[in-house]
Amino acid sequence: MSENADPDKRAAEALLRYRAALARVEALEQDEAVAHRSLVEWRSLVENSSLDGGGSAARSNLAEAGQNAICRLHDIRVAMSEATAELKSALTTLVAFDDSLGYLPFPEATKSNVEGAGGSAED
């Protein structure tokens, strides 16, 4: 058992890294949904504004809001791309430990690595 203690510890740490990466991707997915809804709402405002013949100040504000919404969505998607790469790397590491050990050890449950795990009863 002592010869497997170090690989077990490293595998448990890899599992924690995977969980953290997965949580980050999930949070970014939620942020992306909010940003996308904001952009759809903005589009509706633009369409209504063009029908109402809004003034140039209102159009300028709408244009700025649109730019901000697009930039926010872009930033989230860049972050999601990076987070997804990190998640893939963490998964590759876990698979390597599973192949070499034949199992994955579960890290000791602590408040920091249990919070948010599993989500709701439907998960």
Protein backbone atom coordinates (compact mmCIF):
# COMPACT_ATOMS: atom_id res chain seq x y z
CA MET A 1 0.00 0.00 0.00
CA SER A 2 2.81 2.44 0.81
CA GLU A 3 4.16 2.26 -2.73
CA ASN A 4 0.73 3.31 -4.05
CA ALA A 5 0.27 6.13 -1.50
CA ASP A 6 2.01 8.75 -3.63
CA PRO A 7 0.20 7.82 -6.87
CA ASP A 8 -3.07 7.67 -4.91
CA LYS A 9 -2.46 11.14 -3.51
CA ARG A 10 -1.58 12.50 -6.95
CA ALA A 11 -4.65 10.85 -8.47
CA ALA A 12 -6.86 12.37 -5.76
CA GLU A 13 -5.34 15.78 -6.45
CA ALA A 14 -5.97 15.26 -10.18
CA LEU A 15 -9.60 14.45 -9.41
CA LEU A 16 -9.92 17.66 -7.42
CA ARG A 17 -8.40 19.63 -10.32
CA TYR A 18 -10.89 17.98 -12.67
CA ARG A 19 -13.81 18.88 -10.39
CA ALA A 20 -12.61 22.49 -10.19
CA ALA A 21 -12.20 22.70 -13.97
CA LEU A 22 -15.67 21.22 -14.49
CA ALA A 23 -17.19 23.70 -12.05
CA ARG A 24 -15.50 26.56 -13.92
CA VAL A 25 -16.85 25.36 -17.28
CA GLU A 26 -20.34 25.00 -15.81
CA ALA A 27 -20.22 28.51 -14.34
CA LEU A 28 -19.04 29.92 -17.66
CA GLU A 29 -21.88 28.11 -19.45
CA GLN A 30 -24.32 29.89 -17.15
CA ASP A 31 -22.58 33.22 -17.75
CA GLU A 32 -22.75 32.60 -21.49
CA ALA A 33 -26.49 31.94 -21.30
CA VAL A 34 -27.04 35.20 -19.40
CA ALA A 35 -24.87 37.14 -21.87
CA HIS A 36 -26.69 35.59 -24.82
CA ARG A 37 -30.09 36.52 -23.35
CA SER A 38 -28.79 40.05 -22.84
CA LEU A 39 -27.78 40.23 -26.49
CA VAL A 40 -31.19 38.93 -27.62
CA GLU A 41 -32.91 41.54 -25.42
CA TRP A 42 -30.65 44.22 -26.87
CA ARG A 43 -31.60 43.15 -30.39
CA SER A 44 -35.26 43.48 -29.49
CA LEU A 45 -34.61 46.98 -28.12
CA VAL A 46 -32.86 47.94 -31.36
CA GLU A 47 -35.74 46.66 -33.45
CA ASN A 48 -38.26 48.55 -31.31
CA SER A 49 -36.11 51.68 -31.39
CA SER A 50 -35.89 51.67 -35.16
CA LEU A 51 -39.69 51.31 -35.37
CA ASP A 52 -40.20 54.13 -32.86
CA GLY A 53 -37.68 56.38 -34.61
CA GLY A 54 -35.68 56.99 -31.42
CA GLY A 55 -33.31 59.93 -31.19
CA SER A 56 -29.58 59.82 -31.83
CA ALA A 57 -28.73 59.80 -28.11
CA ALA A 58 -30.91 56.75 -27.56
CA ARG A 59 -29.37 55.06 -30.60
CA SER A 60 -25.89 55.90 -29.34
CA ASN A 61 -26.73 54.35 -25.96
CA LEU A 62 -28.13 51.27 -27.69
CA ALA A 63 -25.02 50.97 -29.84
CA GLU A 64 -22.79 51.16 -26.78
CA ALA A 65 -24.94 48.61 -24.93
CA GLY A 66 -24.71 46.31 -27.94
CA GLN A 67 -20.94 46.62 -28.09
CA ASN A 68 -20.72 45.84 -24.39
CA ALA A 69 -22.98 42.80 -24.75
CA ILE A 70 -20.98 41.47 -27.69
CA CYS A 71 -17.67 42.04 -25.90
CA ARG A 72 -18.97 40.30 -22.77
CA LEU A 73 -20.15 37.29 -24.78
CA HIS A 74 -16.83 37.15 -26.62
CA ASP A 75 -14.82 37.32 -23.38
CA ILE A 76 -16.93 34.55 -21.85
CA ARG A 77 -16.45 32.35 -24.91
CA VAL A 78 -12.68 32.88 -24.85
CA ALA A 79 -12.62 32.00 -21.15
CA MET A 80 -14.80 28.97 -21.86
CA SER A 81 -12.41 27.80 -24.56
CA GLU A 82 -9.50 28.04 -22.10
CA ALA A 83 -11.51 26.34 -19.35
CA THR A 84 -12.55 23.55 -21.69
CA ALA A 85 -8.91 22.94 -22.63
CA GLU A 86 -8.05 22.81 -18.92
CA LEU A 87 -10.92 20.38 -18.34
CA LYS A 88 -9.75 18.15 -21.20
CA SER A 89 -6.22 18.14 -19.80
CA ALA A 90 -7.52 17.24 -16.33
CA LEU A 91 -9.58 14.41 -17.82
CA THR A 92 -6.57 13.09 -19.71
CA THR A 93 -4.60 13.07 -16.45
CA LEU A 94 -7.43 11.22 -14.68
CA VAL A 95 -7.61 8.61 -17.44
CA ALA A 96 -3.86 8.07 -17.16
CA PHE A 97 -4.13 7.53 -13.40
CA ASP A 98 -7.09 5.19 -13.89
CA ASP A 99 -5.12 3.20 -16.46
CA SER A 100 -2.01 2.97 -14.30
CA LEU A 101 -3.73 2.33 -10.96
CA GLY A 102 -6.77 0.47 -12.22
CA TYR A 103 -9.00 2.73 -10.08
CA LEU A 104 -9.40 6.31 -9.00
CA PRO A 105 -9.14 7.04 -5.28
CA PHE A 106 -11.71 9.41 -3.85
CA PRO A 107 -10.21 12.31 -1.92
CA GLU A 108 -11.33 12.85 1.65
CA ALA A 109 -14.48 14.91 1.75
CA THR A 110 -13.90 18.43 2.97
CA LYS A 111 -16.23 21.40 2.92
CA SER A 112 -14.30 23.00 0.03
CA ASN A 113 -14.44 19.97 -2.27
CA VAL A 114 -18.00 18.93 -1.41
CA GLU A 115 -19.81 22.26 -1.81
CA GLY A 116 -21.72 22.33 -5.06
CA ALA A 117 -20.82 18.73 -5.91
CA GLY A 118 -23.71 16.89 -7.47
CA GLY A 119 -25.99 19.90 -7.70
CA SER A 120 -29.62 18.86 -7.29
CA ALA A 121 -31.39 15.54 -6.78
CA GLU A 122 -32.00 15.33 -10.54
CA ASP A 123 -28.24 15.12 -11.28
